N, C-alpha and C. Protein backbone atom coordinates (compact mmCIF):
# COMPACT_ATOMS: atom_id res chain seq x y z
N UNK A 1 30.98 36.38 82.56
CA UNK A 1 31.10 35.02 83.05
C UNK A 1 30.55 34.02 82.04
N UNK A 2 29.40 34.35 81.39
CA UNK A 2 28.80 33.46 80.41
C UNK A 2 29.73 33.26 79.21
N UNK A 3 30.42 34.33 78.81
CA UNK A 3 31.37 34.19 77.69
C UNK A 3 32.50 33.24 78.07
N UNK A 4 32.97 33.37 79.30
CA UNK A 4 34.04 32.51 79.76
C UNK A 4 33.60 31.05 79.77
N UNK A 5 32.39 30.80 80.28
CA UNK A 5 31.87 29.43 80.33
C UNK A 5 31.68 28.87 78.93
N UNK A 6 31.19 29.70 78.02
CA UNK A 6 31.02 29.25 76.62
C UNK A 6 32.38 28.94 76.01
N UNK A 7 33.37 29.75 76.29
CA UNK A 7 34.72 29.51 75.78
C UNK A 7 35.26 28.19 76.33
N UNK A 8 35.05 27.94 77.62
CA UNK A 8 35.50 26.68 78.22
C UNK A 8 34.80 25.51 77.55
N UNK A 9 33.48 25.63 77.31
CA UNK A 9 32.74 24.56 76.66
C UNK A 9 33.28 24.30 75.26
N UNK A 10 33.49 25.36 74.49
CA UNK A 10 34.01 25.20 73.13
C UNK A 10 35.39 24.55 73.16
N UNK A 11 36.21 24.93 74.12
CA UNK A 11 37.54 24.33 74.24
C UNK A 11 37.44 22.85 74.59
N UNK A 12 36.51 22.48 75.49
CA UNK A 12 36.34 21.07 75.86
C UNK A 12 35.88 20.24 74.66
N UNK A 13 34.92 20.78 73.92
CA UNK A 13 34.44 20.07 72.73
C UNK A 13 35.58 19.93 71.73
N UNK A 14 36.36 20.99 71.56
CA UNK A 14 37.52 20.93 70.67
C UNK A 14 38.50 19.86 71.07
N UNK A 15 38.75 19.75 72.37
CA UNK A 15 39.68 18.72 72.86
C UNK A 15 39.14 17.32 72.60
N UNK A 16 37.84 17.13 72.82
CA UNK A 16 37.23 15.81 72.56
C UNK A 16 37.37 15.48 71.08
N UNK A 17 37.06 16.45 70.21
CA UNK A 17 37.15 16.22 68.77
C UNK A 17 38.60 15.95 68.37
N UNK A 18 39.53 16.75 68.88
CA UNK A 18 40.94 16.56 68.57
C UNK A 18 41.43 15.21 69.06
N UNK A 19 41.12 14.86 70.29
CA UNK A 19 41.53 13.57 70.85
C UNK A 19 40.95 12.43 70.02
N UNK A 20 39.69 12.55 69.68
CA UNK A 20 39.06 11.51 68.87
C UNK A 20 39.67 11.42 67.49
N UNK A 21 40.02 12.58 66.90
CA UNK A 21 40.64 12.59 65.58
C UNK A 21 42.00 11.92 65.61
N UNK A 22 42.75 12.20 66.66
CA UNK A 22 44.07 11.57 66.81
C UNK A 22 43.90 10.07 66.94
N UNK A 23 42.96 9.64 67.80
CA UNK A 23 42.74 8.21 68.00
C UNK A 23 42.18 7.56 66.75
N UNK A 24 41.29 8.24 66.05
CA UNK A 24 40.71 7.68 64.84
C UNK A 24 41.77 7.52 63.77
N UNK A 25 42.66 8.50 63.61
CA UNK A 25 43.69 8.38 62.60
C UNK A 25 44.68 7.28 62.95
N UNK A 26 44.87 7.03 64.23
CA UNK A 26 45.78 5.97 64.64
C UNK A 26 45.16 4.60 64.38
N UNK A 27 43.86 4.54 64.22
CA UNK A 27 43.18 3.28 63.97
C UNK A 27 42.27 3.47 62.78
N UNK A 28 42.65 2.93 61.65
CA UNK A 28 41.96 3.22 60.40
C UNK A 28 40.69 2.40 60.15
N UNK A 29 40.52 1.29 60.87
CA UNK A 29 39.37 0.44 60.61
C UNK A 29 39.59 -0.50 59.43
N UNK A 30 40.81 -0.58 58.92
CA UNK A 30 41.15 -1.46 57.81
C UNK A 30 40.77 -2.89 58.16
N UNK A 31 40.20 -3.61 57.21
CA UNK A 31 39.73 -4.97 57.49
C UNK A 31 40.88 -5.94 57.79
N UNK A 32 42.10 -5.52 57.61
CA UNK A 32 43.24 -6.37 57.98
C UNK A 32 43.44 -6.35 59.49
N UNK A 33 42.83 -5.38 60.15
CA UNK A 33 42.94 -5.26 61.61
C UNK A 33 41.81 -6.02 62.30
N UNK A 34 42.02 -6.29 63.57
CA UNK A 34 41.07 -7.03 64.40
C UNK A 34 39.78 -6.22 64.59
N UNK A 35 38.62 -6.75 64.19
CA UNK A 35 37.37 -6.00 64.35
C UNK A 35 36.99 -5.75 65.81
N UNK A 36 37.46 -6.60 66.72
CA UNK A 36 37.14 -6.37 68.13
C UNK A 36 37.86 -5.14 68.66
N UNK A 37 39.08 -4.88 68.18
CA UNK A 37 39.82 -3.66 68.56
C UNK A 37 39.11 -2.42 68.01
N UNK A 38 38.60 -2.55 66.80
CA UNK A 38 37.85 -1.46 66.18
C UNK A 38 36.62 -1.13 67.03
N UNK A 39 35.88 -2.16 67.43
CA UNK A 39 34.69 -1.98 68.26
C UNK A 39 35.06 -1.41 69.63
N UNK A 40 36.15 -1.88 70.19
CA UNK A 40 36.60 -1.38 71.49
C UNK A 40 36.93 0.12 71.43
N UNK A 41 37.53 0.58 70.34
CA UNK A 41 37.85 2.00 70.19
C UNK A 41 36.56 2.83 70.14
N UNK A 42 35.57 2.36 69.40
CA UNK A 42 34.28 3.05 69.31
C UNK A 42 33.63 3.17 70.70
N UNK A 43 33.58 2.06 71.41
CA UNK A 43 32.94 2.06 72.73
C UNK A 43 33.71 2.91 73.73
N UNK A 44 35.02 2.95 73.60
CA UNK A 44 35.84 3.79 74.47
C UNK A 44 35.53 5.27 74.26
N UNK A 45 35.38 5.67 73.00
CA UNK A 45 35.02 7.06 72.71
C UNK A 45 33.61 7.39 73.21
N UNK A 46 32.70 6.43 73.06
CA UNK A 46 31.33 6.63 73.55
C UNK A 46 31.35 6.77 75.08
N UNK A 47 32.12 5.94 75.75
CA UNK A 47 32.20 6.00 77.22
C UNK A 47 32.74 7.36 77.67
N UNK A 48 33.60 7.96 76.87
CA UNK A 48 34.16 9.28 77.20
C UNK A 48 33.23 10.42 76.80
N UNK A 49 32.06 10.10 76.28
CA UNK A 49 31.06 11.14 76.01
C UNK A 49 31.09 11.72 74.62
N UNK A 50 31.64 11.02 73.65
CA UNK A 50 31.73 11.56 72.29
C UNK A 50 30.36 11.81 71.65
N UNK A 51 29.31 11.20 72.18
CA UNK A 51 27.97 11.42 71.61
C UNK A 51 27.10 12.34 72.46
N UNK A 52 27.68 12.97 73.46
CA UNK A 52 26.89 13.86 74.32
C UNK A 52 26.54 15.18 73.63
N UNK A 53 27.40 15.62 72.74
CA UNK A 53 27.14 16.87 72.02
C UNK A 53 27.25 16.64 70.53
N UNK A 54 26.43 17.34 69.78
CA UNK A 54 26.41 17.19 68.33
C UNK A 54 27.79 17.49 67.74
N UNK A 55 28.48 18.50 68.26
CA UNK A 55 29.78 18.89 67.72
C UNK A 55 30.82 17.78 67.79
N UNK A 56 30.70 16.91 68.78
CA UNK A 56 31.72 15.86 68.94
C UNK A 56 31.32 14.53 68.33
N UNK A 57 30.09 14.40 67.84
CA UNK A 57 29.62 13.14 67.28
C UNK A 57 30.35 12.75 66.00
N UNK A 58 30.90 13.74 65.29
CA UNK A 58 31.60 13.44 64.04
C UNK A 58 32.83 12.57 64.25
N UNK A 59 33.33 12.53 65.48
CA UNK A 59 34.47 11.68 65.81
C UNK A 59 34.13 10.22 65.56
N UNK A 60 32.87 9.85 65.77
CA UNK A 60 32.47 8.45 65.64
C UNK A 60 32.01 8.08 64.24
N UNK A 61 31.90 9.03 63.34
CA UNK A 61 31.43 8.76 61.98
C UNK A 61 32.23 7.67 61.27
N UNK A 62 33.56 7.61 61.40
CA UNK A 62 34.30 6.54 60.71
C UNK A 62 34.05 5.14 61.26
N UNK A 63 33.35 5.04 62.37
CA UNK A 63 33.12 3.75 63.01
C UNK A 63 31.77 3.13 62.66
N UNK A 64 30.82 3.95 62.20
CA UNK A 64 29.45 3.48 62.04
C UNK A 64 28.97 3.61 60.60
N UNK A 65 27.96 2.81 60.26
CA UNK A 65 27.42 2.88 58.90
C UNK A 65 26.29 3.90 58.77
N UNK A 66 25.67 4.30 59.89
CA UNK A 66 24.57 5.26 59.81
C UNK A 66 25.13 6.68 59.68
N UNK A 67 24.32 7.55 59.10
CA UNK A 67 24.77 8.93 58.85
C UNK A 67 24.27 9.92 59.88
N UNK A 68 23.21 9.56 60.61
CA UNK A 68 22.67 10.47 61.62
C UNK A 68 22.45 9.75 62.93
N UNK A 69 22.68 10.47 63.99
CA UNK A 69 22.44 9.96 65.34
C UNK A 69 21.09 10.50 65.81
N UNK A 70 20.20 9.64 66.30
CA UNK A 70 18.92 10.15 66.81
C UNK A 70 19.13 11.07 68.01
N UNK A 71 18.15 11.89 68.29
CA UNK A 71 18.19 12.73 69.49
C UNK A 71 17.75 11.85 70.65
N UNK A 72 18.70 11.32 71.39
CA UNK A 72 18.39 10.43 72.49
C UNK A 72 17.88 11.22 73.68
N UNK A 73 16.86 10.73 74.31
CA UNK A 73 16.32 11.38 75.50
C UNK A 73 16.93 10.84 76.78
N UNK A 74 17.87 9.90 76.60
CA UNK A 74 18.47 9.28 77.77
C UNK A 74 19.92 8.89 77.48
N UNK A 75 20.63 8.65 78.56
CA UNK A 75 22.01 8.18 78.50
C UNK A 75 22.11 6.98 79.44
N UNK A 76 22.70 5.91 78.96
CA UNK A 76 22.97 4.76 79.81
C UNK A 76 24.29 5.04 80.51
N UNK A 77 24.25 5.06 81.83
CA UNK A 77 25.45 5.36 82.63
C UNK A 77 26.13 4.03 82.93
N UNK A 78 27.40 3.93 82.54
CA UNK A 78 28.12 2.67 82.74
C UNK A 78 29.37 2.89 83.58
N UNK A 79 29.84 1.81 84.17
CA UNK A 79 31.13 1.87 84.85
C UNK A 79 32.19 1.23 83.98
N UNK A 80 31.82 0.17 83.28
CA UNK A 80 32.77 -0.55 82.42
C UNK A 80 32.05 -1.22 81.26
N UNK A 81 32.85 -1.59 80.27
CA UNK A 81 32.39 -2.45 79.19
C UNK A 81 33.54 -3.39 78.86
N UNK A 82 33.21 -4.52 78.26
CA UNK A 82 34.25 -5.44 77.83
C UNK A 82 33.84 -6.07 76.50
N UNK A 83 34.69 -5.88 75.50
CA UNK A 83 34.48 -6.53 74.21
C UNK A 83 35.04 -7.95 74.34
N UNK A 84 34.23 -8.93 74.01
CA UNK A 84 34.66 -10.33 74.08
C UNK A 84 35.54 -10.61 72.87
N UNK A 85 36.81 -10.85 73.13
CA UNK A 85 37.77 -11.06 72.04
C UNK A 85 37.85 -12.51 71.57
N UNK A 86 37.28 -13.43 72.34
CA UNK A 86 37.30 -14.85 71.98
C UNK A 86 36.37 -15.07 70.78
N UNK A 87 36.97 -15.32 69.63
CA UNK A 87 36.21 -15.49 68.39
C UNK A 87 35.21 -16.65 68.50
N UNK A 88 35.49 -17.59 69.36
CA UNK A 88 34.57 -18.71 69.56
C UNK A 88 33.23 -18.27 70.13
N UNK A 89 33.18 -17.11 70.75
CA UNK A 89 31.93 -16.59 71.30
C UNK A 89 31.22 -15.63 70.35
N UNK A 90 31.84 -15.33 69.23
CA UNK A 90 31.24 -14.46 68.22
C UNK A 90 30.26 -15.27 67.38
N UNK A 91 29.35 -14.57 66.74
CA UNK A 91 28.51 -15.20 65.73
C UNK A 91 29.05 -14.75 64.38
N UNK A 92 29.73 -15.65 63.69
CA UNK A 92 30.34 -15.31 62.40
C UNK A 92 29.29 -15.49 61.31
N UNK A 93 28.96 -14.40 60.62
CA UNK A 93 27.98 -14.44 59.55
C UNK A 93 28.64 -14.72 58.20
N UNK A 94 29.87 -14.19 58.04
CA UNK A 94 30.69 -14.44 56.85
C UNK A 94 32.11 -13.99 57.20
N UNK A 95 33.01 -14.07 56.24
CA UNK A 95 34.40 -13.66 56.53
C UNK A 95 34.52 -12.15 56.75
N UNK A 96 33.49 -11.41 56.36
CA UNK A 96 33.54 -9.95 56.51
C UNK A 96 32.36 -9.40 57.32
N UNK A 97 31.72 -10.27 58.07
CA UNK A 97 30.57 -9.83 58.84
C UNK A 97 30.39 -10.72 60.06
N UNK A 98 30.24 -10.10 61.24
CA UNK A 98 30.10 -10.87 62.47
C UNK A 98 29.33 -10.09 63.52
N UNK A 99 28.86 -10.84 64.52
CA UNK A 99 28.22 -10.26 65.69
C UNK A 99 29.19 -10.47 66.85
N UNK A 100 29.66 -9.36 67.42
CA UNK A 100 30.66 -9.43 68.49
C UNK A 100 29.98 -9.08 69.81
N UNK A 101 30.08 -9.98 70.81
CA UNK A 101 29.44 -9.70 72.10
C UNK A 101 30.23 -8.70 72.94
N UNK A 102 29.49 -7.87 73.65
CA UNK A 102 30.06 -6.86 74.55
C UNK A 102 29.26 -6.91 75.85
N UNK A 103 29.94 -6.93 76.97
CA UNK A 103 29.25 -6.85 78.26
C UNK A 103 29.37 -5.43 78.79
N UNK A 104 28.29 -4.95 79.38
CA UNK A 104 28.25 -3.62 79.99
C UNK A 104 27.92 -3.74 81.46
N UNK A 105 28.66 -3.02 82.29
CA UNK A 105 28.33 -2.86 83.71
C UNK A 105 27.56 -1.54 83.80
N UNK A 106 26.26 -1.64 83.95
CA UNK A 106 25.39 -0.45 83.95
C UNK A 106 25.16 0.03 85.37
N UNK A 107 25.27 1.34 85.55
CA UNK A 107 24.99 1.98 86.83
C UNK A 107 23.52 2.39 86.88
N UNK A 108 23.01 2.90 85.76
CA UNK A 108 21.63 3.34 85.68
C UNK A 108 21.37 4.11 84.40
N UNK A 109 20.26 4.83 84.37
CA UNK A 109 19.87 5.60 83.19
C UNK A 109 19.58 7.04 83.61
N UNK A 110 20.10 7.97 82.82
CA UNK A 110 19.86 9.40 83.05
C UNK A 110 18.97 9.91 81.93
N UNK A 111 17.91 10.65 82.32
CA UNK A 111 16.96 11.19 81.36
C UNK A 111 17.14 12.70 81.24
N UNK A 112 17.34 13.18 80.02
CA UNK A 112 17.61 14.60 79.78
C UNK A 112 16.43 15.50 80.12
N UNK A 113 15.26 15.15 79.60
CA UNK A 113 14.10 16.04 79.71
C UNK A 113 13.75 16.36 81.16
N UNK A 114 13.80 15.38 82.01
CA UNK A 114 13.43 15.59 83.41
C UNK A 114 14.65 15.77 84.32
N UNK A 115 15.84 15.65 83.76
CA UNK A 115 17.09 15.76 84.53
C UNK A 115 17.04 14.84 85.75
N UNK A 116 16.73 13.56 85.47
CA UNK A 116 16.66 12.58 86.54
C UNK A 116 17.56 11.39 86.24
N UNK A 117 17.94 10.72 87.30
CA UNK A 117 18.77 9.53 87.20
C UNK A 117 18.05 8.39 87.91
N UNK A 118 17.92 7.27 87.24
CA UNK A 118 17.32 6.08 87.84
C UNK A 118 18.41 5.02 87.98
N UNK A 119 18.80 4.71 89.21
CA UNK A 119 19.80 3.66 89.38
C UNK A 119 19.22 2.31 88.95
N UNK A 120 19.92 1.63 88.10
CA UNK A 120 19.51 0.30 87.61
C UNK A 120 20.76 -0.56 87.44
N UNK A 121 21.47 -0.83 88.54
CA UNK A 121 22.70 -1.59 88.40
C UNK A 121 22.43 -2.98 87.81
N UNK A 122 23.15 -3.26 86.75
CA UNK A 122 23.00 -4.55 86.09
C UNK A 122 24.19 -4.78 85.17
N UNK A 123 24.34 -6.01 84.78
CA UNK A 123 25.33 -6.38 83.79
C UNK A 123 24.55 -6.99 82.64
N UNK A 124 24.79 -6.52 81.43
CA UNK A 124 24.07 -7.12 80.31
C UNK A 124 24.99 -7.32 79.11
N UNK A 125 24.54 -8.18 78.22
CA UNK A 125 25.30 -8.56 77.03
C UNK A 125 24.59 -8.00 75.81
N UNK A 126 25.36 -7.40 74.92
CA UNK A 126 24.82 -6.85 73.68
C UNK A 126 25.71 -7.34 72.54
N UNK A 127 25.12 -7.71 71.43
CA UNK A 127 25.89 -8.13 70.26
C UNK A 127 25.95 -6.98 69.26
N UNK A 128 27.15 -6.60 68.86
CA UNK A 128 27.35 -5.54 67.86
C UNK A 128 27.60 -6.18 66.51
N UNK A 129 26.87 -5.74 65.53
CA UNK A 129 26.98 -6.23 64.16
C UNK A 129 28.07 -5.41 63.46
N UNK A 130 29.17 -6.05 63.17
CA UNK A 130 30.31 -5.40 62.52
C UNK A 130 30.47 -6.01 61.13
N UNK A 131 30.66 -5.14 60.15
CA UNK A 131 30.70 -5.59 58.76
C UNK A 131 31.75 -4.79 57.99
N UNK A 132 32.39 -5.44 57.03
CA UNK A 132 33.34 -4.75 56.15
C UNK A 132 32.55 -4.01 55.07
N UNK A 133 32.76 -2.71 55.00
CA UNK A 133 32.13 -1.87 53.97
C UNK A 133 33.25 -1.06 53.32
N UNK A 134 33.45 -1.23 52.03
CA UNK A 134 34.51 -0.54 51.29
C UNK A 134 35.88 -0.74 51.95
N UNK A 135 36.17 -1.98 52.28
CA UNK A 135 37.48 -2.37 52.86
C UNK A 135 37.74 -1.79 54.25
N UNK A 136 36.69 -1.37 54.95
CA UNK A 136 36.82 -0.84 56.31
C UNK A 136 35.75 -1.47 57.19
N UNK A 137 36.11 -1.74 58.44
CA UNK A 137 35.12 -2.22 59.40
C UNK A 137 34.17 -1.09 59.73
N UNK A 138 32.90 -1.42 59.85
CA UNK A 138 31.87 -0.47 60.25
C UNK A 138 30.89 -1.20 61.17
N UNK A 139 30.37 -0.48 62.15
CA UNK A 139 29.31 -1.01 63.00
C UNK A 139 28.01 -0.70 62.28
N UNK A 140 27.22 -1.76 62.01
CA UNK A 140 25.96 -1.56 61.30
C UNK A 140 24.76 -1.67 62.24
N UNK A 141 24.99 -2.08 63.47
CA UNK A 141 23.91 -2.15 64.44
C UNK A 141 24.41 -2.77 65.73
N UNK A 142 23.68 -2.68 66.77
CA UNK A 142 22.49 -1.85 66.94
C UNK A 142 22.88 -0.39 67.20
N UNK A 143 21.96 0.49 66.93
CA UNK A 143 22.18 1.90 67.20
C UNK A 143 21.58 2.19 68.58
N UNK A 144 22.44 2.13 69.59
CA UNK A 144 22.02 2.28 70.98
C UNK A 144 22.20 3.71 71.47
N UNK A 145 21.50 4.09 72.55
CA UNK A 145 21.74 5.41 73.14
C UNK A 145 23.17 5.48 73.67
N UNK A 146 23.68 6.68 73.89
CA UNK A 146 25.04 6.81 74.43
C UNK A 146 25.22 5.99 75.71
N UNK A 147 26.36 5.33 75.81
CA UNK A 147 26.76 4.58 77.00
C UNK A 147 27.98 5.30 77.57
N UNK A 148 27.74 6.16 78.55
CA UNK A 148 28.76 7.10 79.03
C UNK A 148 29.20 6.72 80.44
N UNK A 149 30.49 6.88 80.68
CA UNK A 149 31.03 6.62 82.01
C UNK A 149 30.47 7.60 83.03
N UNK A 150 30.29 7.13 84.24
CA UNK A 150 29.67 7.94 85.30
C UNK A 150 30.47 9.23 85.57
N UNK A 151 31.76 9.12 85.69
CA UNK A 151 32.59 10.30 85.99
C UNK A 151 32.49 11.34 84.89
N UNK A 152 32.52 10.90 83.64
CA UNK A 152 32.42 11.84 82.51
C UNK A 152 31.06 12.54 82.51
N UNK A 153 30.02 11.80 82.81
CA UNK A 153 28.67 12.38 82.82
C UNK A 153 28.52 13.39 83.95
N UNK A 154 29.08 13.09 85.11
CA UNK A 154 29.04 14.04 86.24
C UNK A 154 29.71 15.36 85.83
N UNK A 155 30.85 15.28 85.16
CA UNK A 155 31.55 16.49 84.71
C UNK A 155 30.75 17.24 83.65
N UNK A 156 30.11 16.51 82.76
CA UNK A 156 29.29 17.12 81.71
C UNK A 156 28.11 17.88 82.33
N UNK A 157 27.48 17.28 83.33
CA UNK A 157 26.34 17.91 84.00
C UNK A 157 26.79 19.12 84.80
N UNK A 158 27.96 19.05 85.39
CA UNK A 158 28.51 20.20 86.11
C UNK A 158 28.65 21.40 85.16
N UNK A 159 29.16 21.16 83.98
CA UNK A 159 29.29 22.24 82.99
C UNK A 159 27.92 22.77 82.57
N UNK A 160 26.97 21.86 82.35
CA UNK A 160 25.61 22.29 81.97
C UNK A 160 24.98 23.13 83.08
N UNK A 161 25.24 22.74 84.31
CA UNK A 161 24.71 23.49 85.45
C UNK A 161 25.29 24.90 85.48
N UNK A 162 26.58 25.03 85.23
CA UNK A 162 27.21 26.35 85.23
C UNK A 162 26.66 27.26 84.13
N UNK A 163 26.26 26.66 83.03
CA UNK A 163 25.78 27.44 81.89
C UNK A 163 24.27 27.71 81.94
N UNK A 164 23.57 27.04 82.80
CA UNK A 164 22.11 27.16 82.86
C UNK A 164 21.69 28.48 83.50
N UNK A 165 20.89 29.30 82.79
CA UNK A 165 20.44 30.58 83.35
C UNK A 165 19.26 30.43 84.32
N UNK A 166 18.46 29.39 84.15
CA UNK A 166 17.27 29.20 84.97
C UNK A 166 17.64 28.55 86.31
N UNK A 167 17.28 29.23 87.41
CA UNK A 167 17.64 28.73 88.75
C UNK A 167 17.00 27.38 89.08
N UNK A 168 15.78 27.16 88.64
CA UNK A 168 15.12 25.88 88.90
C UNK A 168 15.86 24.73 88.20
N UNK A 169 16.26 24.99 86.95
CA UNK A 169 17.01 23.97 86.20
C UNK A 169 18.37 23.73 86.85
N UNK A 170 18.99 24.81 87.33
CA UNK A 170 20.28 24.68 88.02
C UNK A 170 20.15 23.74 89.21
N UNK A 171 19.08 23.91 89.96
CA UNK A 171 18.85 23.04 91.13
C UNK A 171 18.65 21.59 90.69
N UNK A 172 17.91 21.41 89.59
CA UNK A 172 17.71 20.05 89.08
C UNK A 172 19.04 19.41 88.68
N UNK A 173 19.89 20.21 88.01
CA UNK A 173 21.21 19.69 87.62
C UNK A 173 22.04 19.34 88.86
N UNK A 174 21.94 20.17 89.89
CA UNK A 174 22.67 19.90 91.13
C UNK A 174 22.19 18.58 91.74
N UNK A 175 20.88 18.40 91.79
CA UNK A 175 20.32 17.16 92.33
C UNK A 175 20.75 15.95 91.48
N UNK A 176 20.75 16.14 90.17
CA UNK A 176 21.16 15.08 89.26
C UNK A 176 22.63 14.70 89.50
N UNK A 177 23.47 15.71 89.65
CA UNK A 177 24.89 15.45 89.93
C UNK A 177 25.05 14.67 91.22
N UNK A 178 24.31 15.06 92.24
CA UNK A 178 24.38 14.38 93.53
C UNK A 178 23.92 12.93 93.41
N UNK A 179 22.84 12.71 92.67
CA UNK A 179 22.34 11.35 92.47
C UNK A 179 23.41 10.49 91.78
N UNK A 180 23.99 11.03 90.73
CA UNK A 180 25.01 10.29 89.99
C UNK A 180 26.24 10.03 90.83
N UNK A 181 26.67 11.04 91.57
CA UNK A 181 27.86 10.90 92.40
C UNK A 181 27.66 9.83 93.47
N UNK A 182 26.46 9.75 94.02
CA UNK A 182 26.19 8.79 95.10
C UNK A 182 25.87 7.39 94.58
N UNK A 183 25.64 7.25 93.29
CA UNK A 183 25.33 5.93 92.73
C UNK A 183 26.55 5.00 92.88
N UNK A 184 26.32 3.73 93.18
CA UNK A 184 27.44 2.80 93.32
C UNK A 184 28.23 2.65 92.02
N UNK A 185 29.48 2.29 92.17
CA UNK A 185 30.44 2.09 91.09
C UNK A 185 30.82 3.40 90.55
């Protein structure tokens, strides 16, 4: 059974990487393209959990200027995000550098170490620093923890629960799934 679950996990990671590769190749990040669309693609991949596992993080490498992702102890659980496309609301630093506002509908925060979820429904605004580097758009900041959709996170935790050998941890994952499932939005 463990081999089967590991195979399913490897296949899921492969699909995420493949899907991200297809989407990344379809959007090159060329500075002739709209930087807000570039940012929207990055956030869409993040919402789908591209940063939940090390194996799938490489999908986001063409979008960011940093080379390593910190080991985040938490995940911001979101229901939606919206990139503000109105250039009048951007902070233009130069013709190749800008701060683009993004609104997030946050459900709460999930902590890995304790396998707990804290509901914190809120809407907040974050400015992403986008800059042209070697004729390609890149996100240079801020480097935030993963912002993952609630449904995707519930499925990710379900898989972790199935793979967990420790019964106490399995129960914690079950409780975590229930908390997330019952959270609004």
